[in-house]
Structure formats: C-alpha cells, structure tokens
Amino acid sequence: MMPRIRILFVCVENSNRSQMAEAFARLYGGEHVEAHSAGSRPSGRINPQAIAAMAELGYDLSRHQSKGLEQYNGQSVDVAVTMGCGDACPLVQAQRRYDWSIPDPRDLPPDQFRQVRDLIAQKVLALLRELGVPVKDHTCATTWTRTPPTPLD
C-alpha cells in the first residue's frame, strides 16, 4: 500500500473553498490521503452556505472547524494548495505547491456557489489523479463524470 499523501488546502477564512477542498480530498482519496485545511485569518466558523452545498452531496461539513495556518507552521506536507486568494504558507514545508484561481463564493447566490463547489471538486479530482492517488468511487465523483458543471462566467 502506498503511503498516505498529506495535502493542506489554504485560503483566507478557512470557511468555504479550502474546507470544501479538504472534504473532496477525503471523499475521493479515502485512506490514501490525509487532507487538512487552514486559513491565514480564519473566520472561526464554516459558512452555512458551504455546509448546505456539501450536504446536497451527502457530506456533513458542519463537523469541520475553521482553523488557523499557524498550527501547520514548521510541519511538512506533500502538497500545499492555495485557493487563489493571495495567501502564502511560507512556514509550511511542502514538496509541491499549487495556486488555484478559484473565486470566493462567500457572497454568491446558491447556483453560483454550487458552480464554485463543483470547480473545486474537479480540481481536487485532477490533483489526486496527478499524484497517482487511486480515486475512490463516490457518488459525488460519478455525478461530475457524467454531467460536468457549467463553467463560471
């Protein structure tokens, strides 16, 4: 069995994008992935809209907590992914770093929020495949395989 890949997803508030990315990595990567998320200025809560959007897919995001990036300082991860919000994690030792340009869905209406959620799911799946992680067959994953979400305008 391959060793678990440690992935850290980072955004500002750790209340939307990075939380959903962590959830998708756990869903799709299963026992092959150790997924975490953090924020440079955590809000201290998960956005209720993010909880609702993930609940639509059968994932309970209300179990997550908004965490600060400082708890990962000095720790080593295999992959650090920032969500395109200008955050950096210089004190986190990562073998690979990615910066995804994902819009902040915080104040978007539900349909546009779902588009961002779906974009995150696609990017997480692509990342896991690039890393050689066997993607777990999950009901969320098969939804996007059959019907890709509408791209953001």
C-alpha atoms as a PDB file:
ATOM      1  CA  MET A   1       0.000   0.000   0.000  1.00  0.00           C
ATOM      2  CA  MET A   2       1.291   3.446  -0.879  1.00  0.00           C
ATOM      3  CA  PRO A   3       1.948   5.928   1.951  1.00  0.00           C
ATOM      4  CA  ARG A   4      -0.780   8.461   2.671  1.00  0.00           C
ATOM      5  CA  ILE A   5      -0.307  11.766   0.891  1.00  0.00           C
ATOM      6  CA  ARG A   6      -0.614  14.821   3.171  1.00  0.00           C
ATOM      7  CA  ILE A   7      -2.415  17.721   1.497  1.00  0.00           C
ATOM      8  CA  LEU A   8      -3.038  21.149   3.019  1.00  0.00           C
ATOM      9  CA  PHE A   9      -5.612  23.454   1.397  1.00  0.00           C
ATOM     10  CA  VAL A  10      -5.251  27.136   2.341  1.00  0.00           C
ATOM     11  CA  CYS A  11      -7.448  30.203   1.935  1.00  0.00           C
ATOM     12  CA  VAL A  12      -8.065  33.339   3.978  1.00  0.00           C
ATOM     13  CA  GLU A  13     -11.038  32.483   6.217  1.00  0.00           C
ATOM     14  CA  ASN A  14     -10.980  28.676   6.038  1.00  0.00           C
ATOM     15  CA  SER A  15     -14.750  28.777   5.825  1.00  0.00           C
ATOM     16  CA  ASN A  16     -15.564  27.925   2.183  1.00  0.00           C
ATOM     17  CA  ARG A  17     -13.107  26.903  -0.542  1.00  0.00           C
ATOM     18  CA  SER A  18     -10.396  25.212   1.491  1.00  0.00           C
ATOM     19  CA  GLN A  19     -12.990  23.417   3.615  1.00  0.00           C
ATOM     20  CA  MET A  20     -14.758  22.025   0.557  1.00  0.00           C
ATOM     21  CA  ALA A  21     -11.411  21.020  -0.992  1.00  0.00           C
ATOM     22  CA  GLU A  22     -10.484  19.163   2.198  1.00  0.00           C
ATOM     23  CA  ALA A  23     -13.840  17.387   2.124  1.00  0.00           C
ATOM     24  CA  PHE A  24     -13.476  16.344  -1.525  1.00  0.00           C
ATOM     25  CA  ALA A  25      -9.934  15.095  -0.927  1.00  0.00           C
ATOM     26  CA  ARG A  26     -11.227  12.953   1.934  1.00  0.00           C
ATOM     27  CA  LEU A  27     -14.165  11.696  -0.130  1.00  0.00           C
ATOM     28  CA  TYR A  28     -12.186  10.861  -3.246  1.00  0.00           C
ATOM     29  CA  GLY A  29      -8.812   9.961  -1.751  1.00  0.00           C
ATOM     30  CA  GLY A  30     -10.116   7.852   1.120  1.00  0.00           C
ATOM     31  CA  GLU A  31      -7.410   6.111   3.110  1.00  0.00           C
ATOM     32  CA  HIS A  32      -4.733   7.216   0.619  1.00  0.00           C
ATOM     33  CA  VAL A  33      -4.985  10.885   1.619  1.00  0.00           C
ATOM     34  CA  GLU A  34      -4.560  12.860   4.822  1.00  0.00           C
ATOM     35  CA  ALA A  35      -6.361  16.108   3.991  1.00  0.00           C
ATOM     36  CA  HIS A  36      -6.286  19.308   6.040  1.00  0.00           C
ATOM     37  CA  SER A  37      -7.329  22.918   5.551  1.00  0.00           C
ATOM     38  CA  ALA A  38      -6.422  26.204   7.210  1.00  0.00           C
ATOM     39  CA  GLY A  39      -6.760  29.940   6.831  1.00  0.00           C
ATOM     40  CA  SER A  40      -4.412  32.894   7.188  1.00  0.00           C
ATOM     41  CA  ARG A  41      -7.194  34.791   9.005  1.00  0.00           C
ATOM     42  CA  PRO A  42      -9.715  32.097   9.973  1.00  0.00           C
ATOM     43  CA  SER A  43     -13.287  33.259  10.482  1.00  0.00           C
ATOM     44  CA  GLY A  44     -13.885  30.792  13.287  1.00  0.00           C
ATOM     45  CA  ARG A  45     -16.888  29.275  11.519  1.00  0.00           C
ATOM     46  CA  ILE A  46     -17.849  27.334   8.428  1.00  0.00           C
ATOM     47  CA  ASN A  47     -20.111  29.285   6.071  1.00  0.00           C
ATOM     48  CA  PRO A  48     -23.673  27.877   6.333  1.00  0.00           C
ATOM     49  CA  GLN A  49     -23.900  28.066   2.530  1.00  0.00           C
ATOM     50  CA  ALA A  50     -20.855  25.773   2.247  1.00  0.00           C
ATOM     51  CA  ILE A  51     -22.435  23.368   4.731  1.00  0.00           C
ATOM     52  CA  ALA A  52     -25.653  23.342   2.667  1.00  0.00           C
ATOM     53  CA  ALA A  53     -23.819  22.913  -0.657  1.00  0.00           C
ATOM     54  CA  MET A  54     -21.851  19.924   0.633  1.00  0.00           C
ATOM     55  CA  ALA A  55     -24.939  18.447   2.323  1.00  0.00           C
ATOM     56  CA  GLU A  56     -26.521  18.282  -1.139  1.00  0.00           C
ATOM     57  CA  LEU A  57     -23.749  15.796  -1.974  1.00  0.00           C
ATOM     58  CA  GLY A  58     -24.110  13.837   1.249  1.00  0.00           C
ATOM     59  CA  TYR A  59     -21.122  15.324   3.104  1.00  0.00           C
ATOM     60  CA  ASP A  60     -21.530  16.860   6.558  1.00  0.00           C
ATOM     61  CA  LEU A  61     -19.239  19.893   6.535  1.00  0.00           C
ATOM     62  CA  SER A  62     -20.659  21.041   9.898  1.00  0.00           C
ATOM     63  CA  ARG A  63     -18.207  18.588  11.522  1.00  0.00           C
ATOM     64  CA  HIS A  64     -15.288  20.717  10.299  1.00  0.00           C
ATOM     65  CA  GLN A  65     -13.754  23.650  12.174  1.00  0.00           C
ATOM     66  CA  SER A  66     -12.217  26.851  10.831  1.00  0.00           C
ATOM     67  CA  LYS A  67      -8.504  26.618  11.688  1.00  0.00           C
ATOM     68  CA  GLY A  68      -5.527  28.924  11.521  1.00  0.00           C
ATOM     69  CA  LEU A  69      -2.497  28.325   9.344  1.00  0.00           C
ATOM     70  CA  GLU A  70      -0.114  28.780  12.283  1.00  0.00           C
ATOM     71  CA  GLN A  71      -0.862  25.285  13.574  1.00  0.00           C
ATOM     72  CA  TYR A  72       0.832  23.909  10.441  1.00  0.00           C
ATOM     73  CA  ASN A  73       3.950  26.115  10.623  1.00  0.00           C
ATOM     74  CA  GLY A  74       7.072  24.004  10.545  1.00  0.00           C
ATOM     75  CA  GLN A  75       5.132  20.889   9.572  1.00  0.00           C
ATOM     76  CA  SER A  76       5.867  19.014   6.391  1.00  0.00           C
ATOM     77  CA  VAL A  77       3.172  18.184   3.848  1.00  0.00           C
ATOM     78  CA  ASP A  78       3.391  16.571   0.464  1.00  0.00           C
ATOM     79  CA  VAL A  79       1.207  19.201  -1.208  1.00  0.00           C
ATOM     80  CA  ALA A  80       0.115  22.731  -0.242  1.00  0.00           C
ATOM     81  CA  VAL A  81      -2.703  24.233  -2.305  1.00  0.00           C
ATOM     82  CA  THR A  82      -3.730  27.870  -2.034  1.00  0.00           C
ATOM     83  CA  MET A  83      -7.128  28.816  -3.407  1.00  0.00           C
ATOM     84  CA  GLY A  84      -6.068  31.863  -5.423  1.00  0.00           C
ATOM     85  CA  CYS A  85      -6.654  34.372  -2.659  1.00  0.00           C
ATOM     86  CA  GLY A  86      -3.117  35.704  -2.454  1.00  0.00           C
ATOM     87  CA  ASP A  87      -2.263  33.603   0.588  1.00  0.00           C
ATOM     88  CA  ALA A  88       1.112  32.048   1.048  1.00  0.00           C
ATOM     89  CA  CYS A  89       2.242  29.440   3.513  1.00  0.00           C
ATOM     90  CA  PRO A  90       5.991  30.026   3.679  1.00  0.00           C
ATOM     91  CA  LEU A  91       6.417  28.300   7.034  1.00  0.00           C
ATOM     92  CA  VAL A  92       4.769  25.115   5.791  1.00  0.00           C
ATOM     93  CA  GLN A  93       7.284  22.762   4.234  1.00  0.00           C
ATOM     94  CA  ALA A  94       5.713  21.326   1.073  1.00  0.00           C
ATOM     95  CA  GLN A  95       7.208  19.116  -1.593  1.00  0.00           C
ATOM     96  CA  ARG A  96       4.760  20.597  -4.129  1.00  0.00           C
ATOM     97  CA  ARG A  97       2.814  23.855  -4.163  1.00  0.00           C
ATOM     98  CA  TYR A  98      -0.185  24.808  -6.255  1.00  0.00           C
ATOM     99  CA  ASP A  99      -2.172  28.018  -6.500  1.00  0.00           C
ATOM    100  CA  TRP A 100      -5.684  27.576  -7.838  1.00  0.00           C
ATOM    101  CA  SER A 101      -7.575  30.622  -9.085  1.00  0.00           C
ATOM    102  CA  ILE A 102     -10.922  29.881  -7.505  1.00  0.00           C
ATOM    103  CA  PRO A 103     -13.329  32.761  -6.869  1.00  0.00           C
ATOM    104  CA  ASP A 104     -14.512  33.316  -3.318  1.00  0.00           C
ATOM    105  CA  PRO A 105     -18.102  32.022  -3.213  1.00  0.00           C
ATOM    106  CA  ARG A 106     -18.887  33.569   0.185  1.00  0.00           C
ATOM    107  CA  ASP A 107     -21.497  36.071  -1.031  1.00  0.00           C
ATOM    108  CA  LEU A 108     -22.635  34.317  -4.209  1.00  0.00           C
ATOM    109  CA  PRO A 109     -26.208  33.141  -4.783  1.00  0.00           C
ATOM    110  CA  PRO A 110     -26.714  29.369  -4.326  1.00  0.00           C
ATOM    111  CA  ASP A 111     -26.456  28.414  -8.027  1.00  0.00           C
ATOM    112  CA  GLN A 112     -23.138  30.233  -8.458  1.00  0.00           C
ATOM    113  CA  PHE A 113     -21.921  28.888  -5.104  1.00  0.00           C
ATOM    114  CA  ARG A 114     -22.573  25.362  -6.415  1.00  0.00           C
ATOM    115  CA  GLN A 115     -20.546  26.146  -9.547  1.00  0.00           C
ATOM    116  CA  VAL A 116     -17.570  27.049  -7.360  1.00  0.00           C
ATOM    117  CA  ARG A 117     -18.116  23.881  -5.297  1.00  0.00           C
ATOM    118  CA  ASP A 118     -18.129  21.818  -8.497  1.00  0.00           C
ATOM    119  CA  LEU A 119     -14.989  23.537  -9.787  1.00  0.00           C
ATOM    120  CA  ILE A 120     -13.237  22.656  -6.513  1.00  0.00           C
ATOM    121  CA  ALA A 121     -14.357  19.041  -6.857  1.00  0.00           C
ATOM    122  CA  GLN A 122     -12.952  18.858 -10.390  1.00  0.00           C
ATOM    123  CA  LYS A 123      -9.633  20.379  -9.332  1.00  0.00           C
ATOM    124  CA  VAL A 124      -9.294  18.012  -6.361  1.00  0.00           C
ATOM    125  CA  LEU A 125     -10.011  15.004  -8.574  1.00  0.00           C
ATOM    126  CA  ALA A 126      -7.424  16.182 -11.114  1.00  0.00           C
ATOM    127  CA  LEU A 127      -4.858  16.762  -8.348  1.00  0.00           C
ATOM    128  CA  LEU A 128      -5.385  13.317  -6.835  1.00  0.00           C
ATOM    129  CA  ARG A 129      -5.032  11.692 -10.243  1.00  0.00           C
ATOM    130  CA  GLU A 130      -1.860  13.701 -10.952  1.00  0.00           C
ATOM    131  CA  LEU A 131      -0.447  12.495  -7.627  1.00  0.00           C
ATOM    132  CA  GLY A 132      -1.266   8.888  -8.511  1.00  0.00           C
ATOM    133  CA  VAL A 133      -3.882   8.519  -5.797  1.00  0.00           C
ATOM    134  CA  PRO A 134      -6.470   5.842  -6.566  1.00  0.00           C
ATOM    135  CA  VAL A 135      -9.709   7.834  -6.703  1.00  0.00           C
ATOM    136  CA  LYS A 136     -12.412   6.357  -4.536  1.00  0.00           C
ATOM    137  CA  ASP A 137     -15.675   5.706  -6.356  1.00  0.00           C
ATOM    138  CA  HIS A 138     -18.001   8.058  -4.520  1.00  0.00           C
ATOM    139  CA  THR A 139     -21.454   9.172  -5.596  1.00  0.00           C
ATOM    140  CA  CYS A 140     -20.239  12.799  -5.844  1.00  0.00           C
ATOM    141  CA  ALA A 141     -17.418  11.824  -8.175  1.00  0.00           C
ATOM    142  CA  THR A 142     -19.666   9.978 -10.594  1.00  0.00           C
ATOM    143  CA  THR A 143     -22.029  12.942 -10.845  1.00  0.00           C
ATOM    144  CA  TRP A 144     -19.338  15.123 -12.436  1.00  0.00           C
ATOM    145  CA  THR A 145     -18.093  12.318 -14.642  1.00  0.00           C
ATOM    146  CA  ARG A 146     -21.492  12.108 -16.328  1.00  0.00           C
ATOM    147  CA  THR A 147     -22.513  15.768 -16.312  1.00  0.00           C
ATOM    148  CA  PRO A 148     -19.749  18.348 -15.943  1.00  0.00           C
ATOM    149  CA  PRO A 149     -20.788  21.519 -14.119  1.00  0.00           C
ATOM    150  CA  THR A 150     -21.312  24.705 -16.077  1.00  0.00           C
ATOM    151  CA  PRO A 151     -18.118  26.796 -16.140  1.00  0.00           C
ATOM    152  CA  LEU A 152     -18.120  30.087 -14.266  1.00  0.00           C
ATOM    153  CA  ASP A 153     -18.657  33.224 -16.342  1.00  0.00           C
END
